[in-house]
């Protein structure tokens, strides 16, 4: 998968993409991430990319020319352009799995009060939000979306079925996990997990997932 990220702060992404699973996926050639500075496409000598909003109001709005030029510079025939926005549809596990099937994603990060609507109407395929809150810019949202998506790309995770067992994949939250030591500060691992009876273990895990979901996210059970 090719991922192009368009923003005003390419340096924002250096740390998160150089560590852990994303780093290994890049090194193995499973994903290619390209960072583009929208300012490089401004058609004025001062590299200005924002201006006051028509109709008045606070803040600044990103101008259509540099954003459009940046998108078209990296766009391929198979690209899907996503604008990270509080006004978008809510990101969830199903959407991450769907996007993992794409061969080319373009993630457009908003800044200031947002982007001129004409860009969204003409160049953007989908708006996605990571939650009902507003961030200072769309860079962090792009990192969250990408991290959620690449887990569904084959061979990114160490175990082929790892993503299938996570929260939300079966409509429930995840069950509790335990590892060594068997007893820690007088708290013991549930005996069923030590029994070797895989049928009973699966039953226990399902019951625990139902319990957790009922306590934390009862809306999922509805």
N, C-alpha and C. Protein backbone atom coordinates (compact mmCIF):
# COMPACT_ATOMS: atom_id res chain seq x y z
N UNK A 1 0.84 -1.19 0.00
CA UNK A 1 0.00 0.00 0.00
C UNK A 1 0.88 1.25 0.00
N UNK A 2 0.50 2.22 -0.81
CA UNK A 2 1.13 3.53 -0.80
C UNK A 2 0.24 4.49 -0.01
N UNK A 3 0.86 5.24 0.90
CA UNK A 3 0.13 6.23 1.68
C UNK A 3 0.81 7.57 1.50
N UNK A 4 0.08 8.53 0.97
CA UNK A 4 0.57 9.91 0.87
C UNK A 4 -0.14 10.73 1.94
N UNK A 5 0.64 11.47 2.73
CA UNK A 5 0.08 12.32 3.76
C UNK A 5 0.41 13.77 3.40
N UNK A 6 -0.63 14.57 3.25
CA UNK A 6 -0.47 15.98 2.88
C UNK A 6 -0.78 16.84 4.10
N UNK A 7 0.17 17.67 4.50
CA UNK A 7 -0.02 18.51 5.68
C UNK A 7 0.89 19.72 5.59
N UNK A 8 0.80 20.59 6.59
CA UNK A 8 1.71 21.73 6.69
C UNK A 8 2.91 21.41 7.57
N UNK A 9 2.89 20.25 8.23
CA UNK A 9 3.96 19.89 9.15
C UNK A 9 4.43 18.45 8.92
N UNK A 10 5.16 18.19 7.85
CA UNK A 10 5.64 16.82 7.59
C UNK A 10 6.49 16.26 8.73
N UNK A 11 7.22 17.12 9.43
CA UNK A 11 8.05 16.65 10.52
C UNK A 11 7.27 16.06 11.67
N UNK A 12 5.98 16.35 11.75
CA UNK A 12 5.11 15.84 12.80
C UNK A 12 5.11 14.31 12.82
N UNK A 13 5.34 13.69 11.67
CA UNK A 13 5.17 12.24 11.53
C UNK A 13 6.46 11.45 11.71
N UNK A 14 7.57 12.13 11.87
CA UNK A 14 8.86 11.44 11.88
C UNK A 14 8.95 10.39 12.98
N UNK A 15 8.60 10.75 14.21
CA UNK A 15 8.72 9.80 15.31
C UNK A 15 7.80 8.60 15.22
N UNK A 16 6.47 8.80 15.11
CA UNK A 16 5.55 7.66 15.11
C UNK A 16 5.79 6.65 14.00
N UNK A 17 6.26 7.10 12.85
CA UNK A 17 6.45 6.19 11.73
C UNK A 17 7.83 5.53 11.72
N UNK A 18 8.66 5.88 12.69
CA UNK A 18 10.01 5.31 12.77
C UNK A 18 10.16 4.36 13.95
N UNK A 19 9.05 3.89 14.47
CA UNK A 19 9.08 2.99 15.61
C UNK A 19 8.13 1.81 15.40
N UNK A 20 8.41 0.72 16.08
CA UNK A 20 7.49 -0.39 16.29
C UNK A 20 6.96 -1.01 14.98
N UNK A 21 5.67 -1.32 14.97
CA UNK A 21 5.07 -2.10 13.87
C UNK A 21 5.10 -1.32 12.56
N UNK A 22 4.82 -0.02 12.61
CA UNK A 22 4.84 0.76 11.37
C UNK A 22 6.24 0.79 10.77
N UNK A 23 7.24 0.94 11.60
CA UNK A 23 8.62 0.93 11.11
C UNK A 23 8.94 -0.40 10.42
N UNK A 24 8.59 -1.51 11.06
CA UNK A 24 8.88 -2.82 10.47
C UNK A 24 8.11 -3.03 9.17
N UNK A 25 6.87 -2.57 9.12
CA UNK A 25 6.09 -2.71 7.89
C UNK A 25 6.73 -1.92 6.75
N UNK A 26 7.27 -0.76 7.05
CA UNK A 26 7.96 0.04 6.03
C UNK A 26 9.24 -0.65 5.57
N UNK A 27 10.00 -1.17 6.53
CA UNK A 27 11.26 -1.83 6.20
C UNK A 27 11.05 -3.07 5.34
N UNK A 28 9.95 -3.75 5.55
CA UNK A 28 9.65 -4.97 4.79
C UNK A 28 8.95 -4.68 3.47
N UNK A 29 8.69 -3.42 3.19
CA UNK A 29 8.07 -3.04 1.93
C UNK A 29 6.59 -3.30 1.86
N UNK A 30 5.94 -3.50 3.01
CA UNK A 30 4.50 -3.74 3.02
C UNK A 30 3.72 -2.45 2.84
N UNK A 31 4.31 -1.34 3.29
CA UNK A 31 3.70 -0.03 3.09
C UNK A 31 4.79 0.97 2.72
N UNK A 32 4.41 1.96 1.95
CA UNK A 32 5.29 3.08 1.63
C UNK A 32 4.58 4.36 2.04
N UNK A 33 5.22 5.14 2.89
CA UNK A 33 4.63 6.39 3.37
C UNK A 33 5.41 7.56 2.80
N UNK A 34 4.70 8.47 2.15
CA UNK A 34 5.33 9.66 1.59
C UNK A 34 4.69 10.89 2.21
N UNK A 35 5.54 11.81 2.66
CA UNK A 35 5.08 13.02 3.33
C UNK A 35 5.25 14.21 2.41
N UNK A 36 4.18 14.99 2.25
CA UNK A 36 4.19 16.15 1.36
C UNK A 36 3.80 17.41 2.11
N UNK A 37 4.60 18.46 1.94
CA UNK A 37 4.33 19.76 2.54
C UNK A 37 3.46 20.57 1.58
N UNK A 38 2.25 20.88 1.99
CA UNK A 38 1.32 21.61 1.13
C UNK A 38 1.87 22.98 0.77
N UNK A 39 2.70 23.56 1.62
CA UNK A 39 3.27 24.88 1.33
C UNK A 39 4.12 24.87 0.06
N UNK A 40 4.67 23.73 -0.28
CA UNK A 40 5.51 23.64 -1.48
C UNK A 40 4.73 23.90 -2.76
N UNK A 41 3.40 23.89 -2.67
CA UNK A 41 2.57 24.05 -3.86
C UNK A 41 1.86 25.41 -3.91
N UNK A 42 2.19 26.28 -2.97
CA UNK A 42 1.62 27.62 -3.00
C UNK A 42 2.17 28.40 -4.19
N UNK A 43 1.31 29.15 -4.87
CA UNK A 43 1.73 29.87 -6.09
C UNK A 43 2.09 31.33 -5.79
N UNK A 44 2.51 31.61 -4.56
CA UNK A 44 2.91 32.97 -4.21
C UNK A 44 4.30 32.93 -3.57
N UNK A 45 5.00 34.03 -3.62
CA UNK A 45 6.39 34.08 -3.18
C UNK A 45 6.57 33.85 -1.69
N UNK A 46 5.51 34.06 -0.91
CA UNK A 46 5.60 33.89 0.53
C UNK A 46 5.13 32.51 1.00
N UNK A 47 4.80 31.65 0.06
CA UNK A 47 4.33 30.28 0.37
C UNK A 47 3.10 30.32 1.28
N UNK A 48 2.27 31.30 1.07
CA UNK A 48 1.07 31.44 1.90
C UNK A 48 0.01 30.44 1.48
N UNK A 49 -0.61 29.79 2.47
CA UNK A 49 -1.60 28.75 2.18
C UNK A 49 -2.95 29.02 2.83
N UNK A 50 -3.11 30.15 3.56
CA UNK A 50 -4.36 30.40 4.26
C UNK A 50 -4.78 31.85 4.10
N UNK A 51 -6.06 32.10 4.34
CA UNK A 51 -6.58 33.46 4.24
C UNK A 51 -7.84 33.56 5.10
N UNK A 52 -8.31 34.80 5.28
CA UNK A 52 -9.51 35.03 6.09
C UNK A 52 -10.74 34.42 5.42
N UNK A 53 -11.71 33.93 6.21
CA UNK A 53 -12.90 33.33 5.62
C UNK A 53 -13.87 34.38 5.07
N UNK A 54 -14.44 34.10 3.90
CA UNK A 54 -15.53 34.94 3.40
C UNK A 54 -16.71 34.84 4.36
N UNK A 55 -17.38 35.96 4.58
CA UNK A 55 -18.51 36.00 5.50
C UNK A 55 -18.12 36.34 6.92
N UNK A 56 -16.79 36.46 7.16
CA UNK A 56 -16.32 36.81 8.50
C UNK A 56 -16.20 35.61 9.40
N UNK A 57 -15.76 35.86 10.60
CA UNK A 57 -15.58 34.79 11.58
C UNK A 57 -14.13 34.66 11.99
N UNK A 58 -13.87 33.90 13.05
CA UNK A 58 -12.51 33.77 13.56
C UNK A 58 -11.67 32.82 12.73
N UNK A 59 -10.36 32.93 12.91
CA UNK A 59 -9.45 31.96 12.30
C UNK A 59 -9.21 32.17 10.83
N UNK A 60 -8.46 31.23 10.27
CA UNK A 60 -8.08 31.26 8.87
C UNK A 60 -8.52 29.97 8.19
N UNK A 61 -8.64 30.03 6.87
CA UNK A 61 -9.06 28.88 6.08
C UNK A 61 -7.97 28.57 5.05
N UNK A 62 -7.67 27.29 4.87
CA UNK A 62 -6.67 26.89 3.88
C UNK A 62 -7.21 27.15 2.47
N UNK A 63 -6.42 27.81 1.65
CA UNK A 63 -6.84 28.22 0.32
C UNK A 63 -6.90 27.03 -0.64
N UNK A 64 -7.77 27.09 -1.63
CA UNK A 64 -7.96 25.93 -2.51
C UNK A 64 -6.78 25.63 -3.43
N UNK A 65 -6.06 26.67 -3.88
CA UNK A 65 -5.00 26.43 -4.88
C UNK A 65 -3.90 25.49 -4.40
N UNK A 66 -3.22 25.77 -3.26
CA UNK A 66 -2.12 24.88 -2.87
C UNK A 66 -2.59 23.48 -2.48
N UNK A 67 -3.75 23.39 -1.86
CA UNK A 67 -4.25 22.07 -1.45
C UNK A 67 -4.59 21.23 -2.68
N UNK A 68 -5.28 21.83 -3.62
CA UNK A 68 -5.63 21.12 -4.85
C UNK A 68 -4.38 20.68 -5.61
N UNK A 69 -3.41 21.56 -5.72
CA UNK A 69 -2.17 21.23 -6.44
C UNK A 69 -1.43 20.09 -5.76
N UNK A 70 -1.40 20.08 -4.43
CA UNK A 70 -0.71 19.02 -3.70
C UNK A 70 -1.40 17.67 -3.92
N UNK A 71 -2.73 17.66 -3.86
CA UNK A 71 -3.47 16.41 -4.08
C UNK A 71 -3.21 15.87 -5.48
N UNK A 72 -3.32 16.73 -6.47
CA UNK A 72 -3.16 16.28 -7.85
C UNK A 72 -1.73 15.84 -8.16
N UNK A 73 -0.77 16.38 -7.42
CA UNK A 73 0.63 16.00 -7.63
C UNK A 73 0.87 14.54 -7.25
N UNK A 74 0.22 14.05 -6.19
CA UNK A 74 0.48 12.69 -5.72
C UNK A 74 -0.61 11.70 -6.14
N UNK A 75 -1.68 12.19 -6.71
CA UNK A 75 -2.84 11.34 -6.98
C UNK A 75 -2.57 10.37 -8.12
N UNK A 76 -3.00 9.12 -7.91
CA UNK A 76 -2.94 8.09 -8.93
C UNK A 76 -4.37 7.69 -9.31
N UNK A 77 -4.56 6.96 -10.41
CA UNK A 77 -5.92 6.58 -10.80
C UNK A 77 -6.66 5.76 -9.74
N UNK A 78 -5.91 4.99 -8.95
CA UNK A 78 -6.56 4.14 -7.94
C UNK A 78 -6.58 4.75 -6.55
N UNK A 79 -6.16 5.99 -6.41
CA UNK A 79 -6.06 6.62 -5.09
C UNK A 79 -7.43 6.92 -4.50
N UNK A 80 -7.50 6.79 -3.17
CA UNK A 80 -8.68 7.23 -2.43
C UNK A 80 -8.24 8.36 -1.52
N UNK A 81 -8.88 9.53 -1.68
CA UNK A 81 -8.48 10.72 -0.95
C UNK A 81 -9.38 10.88 0.28
N UNK A 82 -8.75 10.94 1.45
CA UNK A 82 -9.48 11.04 2.71
C UNK A 82 -9.09 12.31 3.43
N UNK A 83 -10.07 13.08 3.83
CA UNK A 83 -9.85 14.30 4.60
C UNK A 83 -10.15 14.00 6.06
N UNK A 84 -9.16 14.18 6.94
CA UNK A 84 -9.36 13.97 8.37
C UNK A 84 -10.05 15.19 8.95
N UNK A 85 -11.29 15.00 9.42
CA UNK A 85 -12.13 16.13 9.78
C UNK A 85 -13.09 15.76 10.90
N UNK A 86 -13.34 16.67 11.87
CA UNK A 86 -14.35 16.39 12.90
C UNK A 86 -15.75 16.21 12.32
N UNK A 87 -15.97 16.72 11.11
CA UNK A 87 -17.29 16.59 10.47
C UNK A 87 -17.46 15.27 9.71
N UNK A 88 -16.43 14.44 9.70
CA UNK A 88 -16.49 13.21 8.92
C UNK A 88 -17.24 12.08 9.63
N UNK A 89 -17.40 10.97 8.93
CA UNK A 89 -17.99 9.78 9.53
C UNK A 89 -17.01 9.18 10.52
N UNK A 90 -17.51 8.52 11.55
CA UNK A 90 -16.69 8.04 12.65
C UNK A 90 -15.84 6.84 12.21
N UNK A 91 -14.56 6.91 12.51
CA UNK A 91 -13.65 5.80 12.22
C UNK A 91 -13.94 4.64 13.16
N UNK A 92 -14.02 3.43 12.60
CA UNK A 92 -14.19 2.23 13.42
C UNK A 92 -13.41 1.07 12.79
N UNK A 93 -13.47 -0.08 13.44
CA UNK A 93 -12.70 -1.22 12.97
C UNK A 93 -13.12 -1.66 11.57
N UNK A 94 -14.42 -1.62 11.28
CA UNK A 94 -14.89 -2.03 9.96
C UNK A 94 -14.34 -1.11 8.87
N UNK A 95 -14.29 0.19 9.15
CA UNK A 95 -13.74 1.13 8.17
C UNK A 95 -12.25 0.89 7.97
N UNK A 96 -11.53 0.61 9.05
CA UNK A 96 -10.09 0.32 8.93
C UNK A 96 -9.86 -0.91 8.06
N UNK A 97 -10.67 -1.93 8.27
CA UNK A 97 -10.54 -3.15 7.46
C UNK A 97 -10.84 -2.86 5.98
N UNK A 98 -11.83 -2.03 5.75
CA UNK A 98 -12.19 -1.66 4.37
C UNK A 98 -11.06 -0.89 3.69
N UNK A 99 -10.50 0.08 4.40
CA UNK A 99 -9.45 0.89 3.81
C UNK A 99 -8.17 0.10 3.57
N UNK A 100 -7.98 -0.97 4.34
CA UNK A 100 -6.79 -1.80 4.16
C UNK A 100 -6.79 -2.52 2.82
N UNK A 101 -7.94 -2.55 2.14
CA UNK A 101 -8.02 -3.17 0.82
C UNK A 101 -7.57 -2.24 -0.29
N UNK A 102 -7.40 -0.96 0.03
CA UNK A 102 -6.99 0.02 -0.98
C UNK A 102 -5.50 -0.10 -1.27
N UNK A 103 -5.12 0.24 -2.48
CA UNK A 103 -3.70 0.20 -2.85
C UNK A 103 -3.01 1.55 -2.67
N UNK A 104 -3.80 2.63 -2.63
CA UNK A 104 -3.22 3.97 -2.51
C UNK A 104 -4.18 4.86 -1.73
N UNK A 105 -3.72 5.32 -0.57
CA UNK A 105 -4.50 6.25 0.24
C UNK A 105 -3.80 7.60 0.26
N UNK A 106 -4.58 8.66 0.12
CA UNK A 106 -4.07 10.02 0.30
C UNK A 106 -4.80 10.60 1.50
N UNK A 107 -4.04 10.91 2.55
CA UNK A 107 -4.61 11.45 3.78
C UNK A 107 -4.35 12.95 3.81
N UNK A 108 -5.40 13.72 3.78
CA UNK A 108 -5.32 15.17 3.78
C UNK A 108 -5.58 15.70 5.18
N UNK A 109 -4.60 16.39 5.74
CA UNK A 109 -4.70 16.91 7.10
C UNK A 109 -5.16 18.36 7.07
N UNK A 110 -6.22 18.64 7.79
CA UNK A 110 -6.70 20.00 7.89
C UNK A 110 -5.92 20.80 8.91
N UNK A 111 -5.90 22.11 8.75
CA UNK A 111 -5.25 23.01 9.70
C UNK A 111 -6.13 24.25 9.83
N UNK A 112 -5.90 25.03 10.87
CA UNK A 112 -6.65 26.26 11.13
C UNK A 112 -8.15 25.94 11.25
N UNK A 113 -9.00 26.72 10.58
CA UNK A 113 -10.45 26.48 10.67
C UNK A 113 -10.93 25.43 9.67
N UNK A 114 -10.02 24.96 8.83
CA UNK A 114 -10.40 23.95 7.86
C UNK A 114 -9.92 24.29 6.47
N UNK A 115 -10.48 23.60 5.47
CA UNK A 115 -10.07 23.73 4.08
C UNK A 115 -11.24 24.25 3.25
N UNK A 116 -10.94 25.09 2.28
CA UNK A 116 -11.96 25.62 1.38
C UNK A 116 -12.85 24.49 0.85
N UNK A 117 -14.15 24.66 0.99
CA UNK A 117 -15.11 23.61 0.65
C UNK A 117 -14.99 23.15 -0.79
N UNK A 118 -14.54 24.00 -1.69
CA UNK A 118 -14.43 23.61 -3.10
C UNK A 118 -13.42 22.49 -3.31
N UNK A 119 -12.41 22.44 -2.46
CA UNK A 119 -11.45 21.33 -2.52
C UNK A 119 -12.13 20.03 -2.11
N UNK A 120 -12.90 20.09 -1.04
CA UNK A 120 -13.58 18.89 -0.56
C UNK A 120 -14.58 18.38 -1.58
N UNK A 121 -15.28 19.30 -2.23
CA UNK A 121 -16.29 18.90 -3.22
C UNK A 121 -15.67 18.24 -4.44
N UNK A 122 -14.50 18.72 -4.87
CA UNK A 122 -13.92 18.27 -6.12
C UNK A 122 -12.86 17.18 -5.99
N UNK A 123 -12.13 17.17 -4.87
CA UNK A 123 -10.95 16.31 -4.80
C UNK A 123 -11.03 15.21 -3.75
N UNK A 124 -11.91 15.34 -2.77
CA UNK A 124 -11.93 14.41 -1.64
C UNK A 124 -13.01 13.35 -1.83
N UNK A 125 -12.66 12.10 -1.57
CA UNK A 125 -13.61 10.99 -1.69
C UNK A 125 -14.40 10.77 -0.41
N UNK A 126 -13.78 11.07 0.73
CA UNK A 126 -14.41 10.73 2.00
C UNK A 126 -13.82 11.58 3.13
N UNK A 127 -14.68 11.98 4.06
CA UNK A 127 -14.22 12.65 5.28
C UNK A 127 -14.37 11.68 6.45
N UNK A 128 -13.33 11.59 7.27
CA UNK A 128 -13.33 10.66 8.40
C UNK A 128 -12.92 11.39 9.66
N UNK A 129 -13.63 11.11 10.76
CA UNK A 129 -13.34 11.67 12.08
C UNK A 129 -12.89 10.55 13.01
N UNK A 130 -11.95 10.85 13.92
CA UNK A 130 -11.55 9.84 14.90
C UNK A 130 -12.31 10.01 16.21
N UNK A 131 -13.23 10.96 16.28
CA UNK A 131 -14.01 11.13 17.50
C UNK A 131 -14.68 12.48 17.57
N UNK A 132 -15.56 12.62 18.52
CA UNK A 132 -16.33 13.86 18.66
C UNK A 132 -15.56 14.89 19.47
N UNK A 133 -14.45 15.32 18.95
CA UNK A 133 -13.65 16.36 19.56
C UNK A 133 -12.81 17.00 18.47
N UNK A 134 -12.24 18.16 18.77
CA UNK A 134 -11.46 18.91 17.78
C UNK A 134 -10.00 18.96 18.20
N UNK A 135 -9.10 18.64 17.27
CA UNK A 135 -7.66 18.71 17.50
C UNK A 135 -7.11 19.99 16.89
N UNK A 136 -5.87 20.32 17.22
CA UNK A 136 -5.26 21.52 16.66
C UNK A 136 -4.99 21.38 15.17
N UNK A 137 -4.86 20.14 14.68
CA UNK A 137 -4.70 19.88 13.24
C UNK A 137 -5.01 18.42 12.97
N UNK A 138 -4.99 18.04 11.70
CA UNK A 138 -5.36 16.68 11.34
C UNK A 138 -4.24 15.67 11.34
N UNK A 139 -3.03 16.08 11.76
CA UNK A 139 -1.88 15.17 11.69
C UNK A 139 -2.04 13.97 12.62
N UNK A 140 -2.42 14.23 13.86
CA UNK A 140 -2.59 13.13 14.81
C UNK A 140 -3.69 12.18 14.35
N UNK A 141 -4.77 12.73 13.79
CA UNK A 141 -5.86 11.89 13.28
C UNK A 141 -5.36 10.99 12.15
N UNK A 142 -4.48 11.51 11.30
CA UNK A 142 -3.92 10.71 10.21
C UNK A 142 -3.09 9.56 10.76
N UNK A 143 -2.32 9.82 11.82
CA UNK A 143 -1.52 8.76 12.44
C UNK A 143 -2.42 7.68 13.01
N UNK A 144 -3.49 8.09 13.71
CA UNK A 144 -4.42 7.13 14.29
C UNK A 144 -5.06 6.28 13.20
N UNK A 145 -5.55 6.92 12.14
CA UNK A 145 -6.18 6.16 11.05
C UNK A 145 -5.20 5.18 10.44
N UNK A 146 -4.00 5.63 10.14
CA UNK A 146 -3.01 4.75 9.50
C UNK A 146 -2.65 3.58 10.40
N UNK A 147 -2.47 3.84 11.69
CA UNK A 147 -2.13 2.76 12.62
C UNK A 147 -3.23 1.71 12.67
N UNK A 148 -4.50 2.18 12.63
CA UNK A 148 -5.61 1.24 12.65
C UNK A 148 -5.75 0.45 11.36
N UNK A 149 -5.41 1.07 10.24
CA UNK A 149 -5.56 0.43 8.93
C UNK A 149 -4.50 -0.63 8.66
N UNK A 150 -3.24 -0.30 8.95
CA UNK A 150 -2.17 -1.22 8.52
C UNK A 150 -2.21 -2.55 9.26
N UNK A 151 -2.89 -2.62 10.40
CA UNK A 151 -2.99 -3.88 11.12
C UNK A 151 -3.73 -4.93 10.32
N UNK A 152 -4.53 -4.49 9.35
CA UNK A 152 -5.30 -5.43 8.53
C UNK A 152 -4.59 -5.76 7.21
N UNK A 153 -3.43 -5.19 6.99
CA UNK A 153 -2.66 -5.53 5.79
C UNK A 153 -1.93 -6.85 6.06
N UNK A 154 -2.05 -7.82 5.18
CA UNK A 154 -1.41 -9.13 5.42
C UNK A 154 0.07 -9.01 5.74
N UNK A 155 0.50 -9.79 6.75
CA UNK A 155 1.90 -9.93 7.16
C UNK A 155 2.42 -8.76 8.00
N UNK A 156 1.60 -7.73 8.25
CA UNK A 156 2.07 -6.62 9.08
C UNK A 156 2.20 -7.07 10.54
N UNK A 157 1.21 -7.76 11.05
CA UNK A 157 1.28 -8.28 12.41
C UNK A 157 1.99 -9.63 12.43
N UNK A 158 2.60 -9.93 13.55
CA UNK A 158 3.39 -11.16 13.64
C UNK A 158 2.56 -12.42 13.49
N UNK A 159 1.33 -12.41 13.99
CA UNK A 159 0.45 -13.58 13.92
C UNK A 159 -0.67 -13.29 12.95
N UNK A 160 -0.92 -14.21 12.04
CA UNK A 160 -1.89 -13.98 10.96
C UNK A 160 -3.29 -13.66 11.48
N UNK A 161 -3.67 -14.23 12.64
CA UNK A 161 -5.04 -14.04 13.13
C UNK A 161 -5.11 -13.00 14.26
N UNK A 162 -4.02 -12.29 14.51
CA UNK A 162 -3.98 -11.37 15.64
C UNK A 162 -5.08 -10.32 15.56
N UNK A 163 -5.26 -9.71 14.39
CA UNK A 163 -6.27 -8.67 14.24
C UNK A 163 -7.68 -9.21 14.39
N UNK A 164 -7.87 -10.51 14.10
CA UNK A 164 -9.21 -11.10 14.17
C UNK A 164 -9.69 -11.24 15.60
N UNK A 165 -8.77 -11.26 16.56
CA UNK A 165 -9.14 -11.49 17.95
C UNK A 165 -9.30 -10.20 18.75
N UNK A 166 -9.08 -9.07 18.14
CA UNK A 166 -9.12 -7.80 18.86
C UNK A 166 -10.54 -7.35 19.15
N UNK A 167 -10.62 -6.31 19.99
CA UNK A 167 -11.92 -5.70 20.27
C UNK A 167 -12.62 -5.27 18.99
N UNK A 168 -13.94 -5.40 18.98
CA UNK A 168 -14.84 -4.97 17.90
C UNK A 168 -14.92 -5.94 16.72
N UNK A 169 -13.98 -6.88 16.60
CA UNK A 169 -14.00 -7.75 15.43
C UNK A 169 -15.17 -8.72 15.44
N UNK A 170 -15.66 -9.07 16.61
CA UNK A 170 -16.83 -9.93 16.70
C UNK A 170 -18.00 -9.19 17.36
N UNK A 171 -17.94 -7.88 17.31
CA UNK A 171 -18.99 -7.07 17.90
C UNK A 171 -18.88 -6.91 19.40
N UNK A 172 -17.75 -7.38 19.97
CA UNK A 172 -17.54 -7.31 21.41
C UNK A 172 -16.20 -6.69 21.72
N UNK A 173 -16.02 -6.25 22.96
CA UNK A 173 -14.69 -5.84 23.41
C UNK A 173 -13.84 -7.09 23.68
N UNK A 174 -12.56 -6.90 23.82
CA UNK A 174 -11.65 -8.02 23.99
C UNK A 174 -11.79 -8.63 25.39
N UNK A 175 -11.42 -9.89 25.51
CA UNK A 175 -11.41 -10.58 26.80
C UNK A 175 -10.11 -10.27 27.55
N UNK A 176 -10.02 -10.52 28.87
CA UNK A 176 -8.80 -10.26 29.63
C UNK A 176 -7.65 -11.16 29.19
N UNK A 177 -6.44 -10.65 29.32
CA UNK A 177 -5.24 -11.41 28.96
C UNK A 177 -4.33 -11.57 30.18
N UNK A 178 -3.64 -12.71 30.26
CA UNK A 178 -2.74 -13.00 31.37
C UNK A 178 -1.46 -13.64 30.83
N UNK A 179 -0.36 -13.45 31.56
CA UNK A 179 0.90 -14.12 31.22
C UNK A 179 1.66 -14.41 32.51
N UNK A 180 2.88 -14.92 32.42
CA UNK A 180 3.67 -15.24 33.60
C UNK A 180 3.99 -13.98 34.41
N UNK A 181 4.05 -14.12 35.75
CA UNK A 181 3.97 -15.34 36.56
C UNK A 181 2.53 -15.78 36.82
N UNK A 182 2.38 -17.01 37.22
CA UNK A 182 1.04 -17.54 37.47
C UNK A 182 0.36 -16.82 38.62
N UNK A 183 1.15 -16.40 39.63
CA UNK A 183 0.62 -15.62 40.75
C UNK A 183 1.46 -14.36 40.88
N UNK A 184 0.82 -13.21 40.92
CA UNK A 184 1.51 -11.93 41.08
C UNK A 184 0.83 -11.13 42.17
N UNK A 185 1.60 -10.85 43.25
CA UNK A 185 1.08 -10.12 44.40
C UNK A 185 -0.25 -10.71 44.88
N UNK A 186 -0.26 -12.03 45.02
CA UNK A 186 -1.39 -12.82 45.52
C UNK A 186 -2.57 -12.89 44.57
N UNK A 187 -2.44 -12.33 43.37
CA UNK A 187 -3.50 -12.44 42.37
C UNK A 187 -3.11 -13.54 41.38
N UNK A 188 -3.97 -14.54 41.25
CA UNK A 188 -3.66 -15.70 40.42
C UNK A 188 -4.34 -15.61 39.06
N UNK A 189 -3.72 -16.24 38.09
CA UNK A 189 -4.32 -16.38 36.76
C UNK A 189 -5.55 -17.28 36.88
N UNK A 190 -6.68 -16.96 36.24
CA UNK A 190 -7.85 -17.84 36.29
C UNK A 190 -7.48 -19.28 35.92
N UNK A 191 -7.95 -20.21 36.72
CA UNK A 191 -7.55 -21.61 36.56
C UNK A 191 -7.93 -22.20 35.21
N UNK A 192 -9.01 -21.70 34.61
CA UNK A 192 -9.44 -22.26 33.32
C UNK A 192 -8.37 -22.06 32.25
N UNK A 193 -7.59 -20.99 32.36
CA UNK A 193 -6.56 -20.72 31.35
C UNK A 193 -5.37 -21.65 31.49
N UNK A 194 -5.29 -22.33 32.63
CA UNK A 194 -4.20 -23.28 32.86
C UNK A 194 -4.63 -24.71 32.63
N UNK A 195 -5.90 -24.90 32.29
CA UNK A 195 -6.46 -26.25 32.21
C UNK A 195 -6.06 -27.01 30.96
N UNK A 196 -5.74 -26.30 29.89
CA UNK A 196 -5.45 -26.97 28.63
C UNK A 196 -6.69 -27.37 27.86
N UNK A 197 -7.87 -27.09 28.41
CA UNK A 197 -9.14 -27.42 27.75
C UNK A 197 -9.53 -26.24 26.86
N UNK A 198 -9.25 -26.34 25.57
CA UNK A 198 -9.44 -25.21 24.67
C UNK A 198 -10.91 -24.84 24.50
N UNK A 199 -11.79 -25.81 24.61
CA UNK A 199 -13.22 -25.51 24.50
C UNK A 199 -13.68 -24.68 25.69
N UNK A 200 -13.25 -25.05 26.89
CA UNK A 200 -13.61 -24.30 28.09
C UNK A 200 -12.96 -22.91 28.09
N UNK A 201 -11.74 -22.84 27.59
CA UNK A 201 -11.04 -21.55 27.51
C UNK A 201 -11.80 -20.61 26.57
N UNK A 202 -12.21 -21.13 25.41
CA UNK A 202 -12.95 -20.31 24.45
C UNK A 202 -14.27 -19.84 25.05
N UNK A 203 -14.95 -20.74 25.79
CA UNK A 203 -16.21 -20.38 26.43
C UNK A 203 -15.98 -19.28 27.46
N UNK A 204 -14.94 -19.43 28.29
CA UNK A 204 -14.63 -18.43 29.32
C UNK A 204 -14.31 -17.08 28.69
N UNK A 205 -13.51 -17.09 27.64
CA UNK A 205 -13.14 -15.83 26.98
C UNK A 205 -14.36 -15.13 26.40
N UNK A 206 -15.29 -15.92 25.81
CA UNK A 206 -16.49 -15.31 25.26
C UNK A 206 -17.34 -14.70 26.38
N UNK A 207 -17.47 -15.40 27.48
CA UNK A 207 -18.25 -14.88 28.60
C UNK A 207 -17.63 -13.61 29.16
N UNK A 208 -16.29 -13.58 29.24
CA UNK A 208 -15.61 -12.40 29.75
C UNK A 208 -15.75 -11.22 28.79
N UNK A 209 -15.73 -11.51 27.49
CA UNK A 209 -15.91 -10.45 26.50
C UNK A 209 -17.31 -9.86 26.59
N UNK A 210 -18.31 -10.72 26.79
CA UNK A 210 -19.69 -10.25 26.96
C UNK A 210 -19.81 -9.38 28.21
N UNK A 211 -19.20 -9.84 29.30
CA UNK A 211 -19.25 -9.09 30.55
C UNK A 211 -18.61 -7.72 30.40
N UNK A 212 -17.41 -7.69 29.80
CA UNK A 212 -16.70 -6.43 29.61
C UNK A 212 -17.49 -5.47 28.73
N UNK A 213 -18.05 -6.00 27.66
CA UNK A 213 -18.83 -5.16 26.75
C UNK A 213 -20.07 -4.61 27.43
N UNK A 214 -20.73 -5.44 28.23
CA UNK A 214 -21.92 -4.98 28.95
C UNK A 214 -21.60 -3.87 29.94
N UNK A 215 -20.42 -3.95 30.55
CA UNK A 215 -20.04 -2.94 31.55
C UNK A 215 -19.57 -1.65 30.90
N UNK A 216 -18.77 -1.77 29.82
CA UNK A 216 -18.11 -0.60 29.26
C UNK A 216 -18.81 -0.02 28.03
N UNK A 217 -19.38 -0.90 27.18
CA UNK A 217 -20.02 -0.45 25.94
C UNK A 217 -21.32 -1.20 25.71
N UNK A 218 -22.32 -1.01 26.55
CA UNK A 218 -23.58 -1.75 26.35
C UNK A 218 -24.24 -1.45 25.01
N UNK A 219 -23.90 -0.31 24.40
CA UNK A 219 -24.48 0.02 23.11
C UNK A 219 -24.10 -1.00 22.05
N UNK A 220 -22.94 -1.65 22.20
CA UNK A 220 -22.53 -2.65 21.22
C UNK A 220 -23.41 -3.90 21.28
N UNK A 221 -23.89 -4.21 22.46
CA UNK A 221 -24.76 -5.39 22.61
C UNK A 221 -26.13 -5.16 21.99
N UNK A 222 -26.55 -3.89 21.91
CA UNK A 222 -27.86 -3.60 21.30
C UNK A 222 -27.82 -3.80 19.80
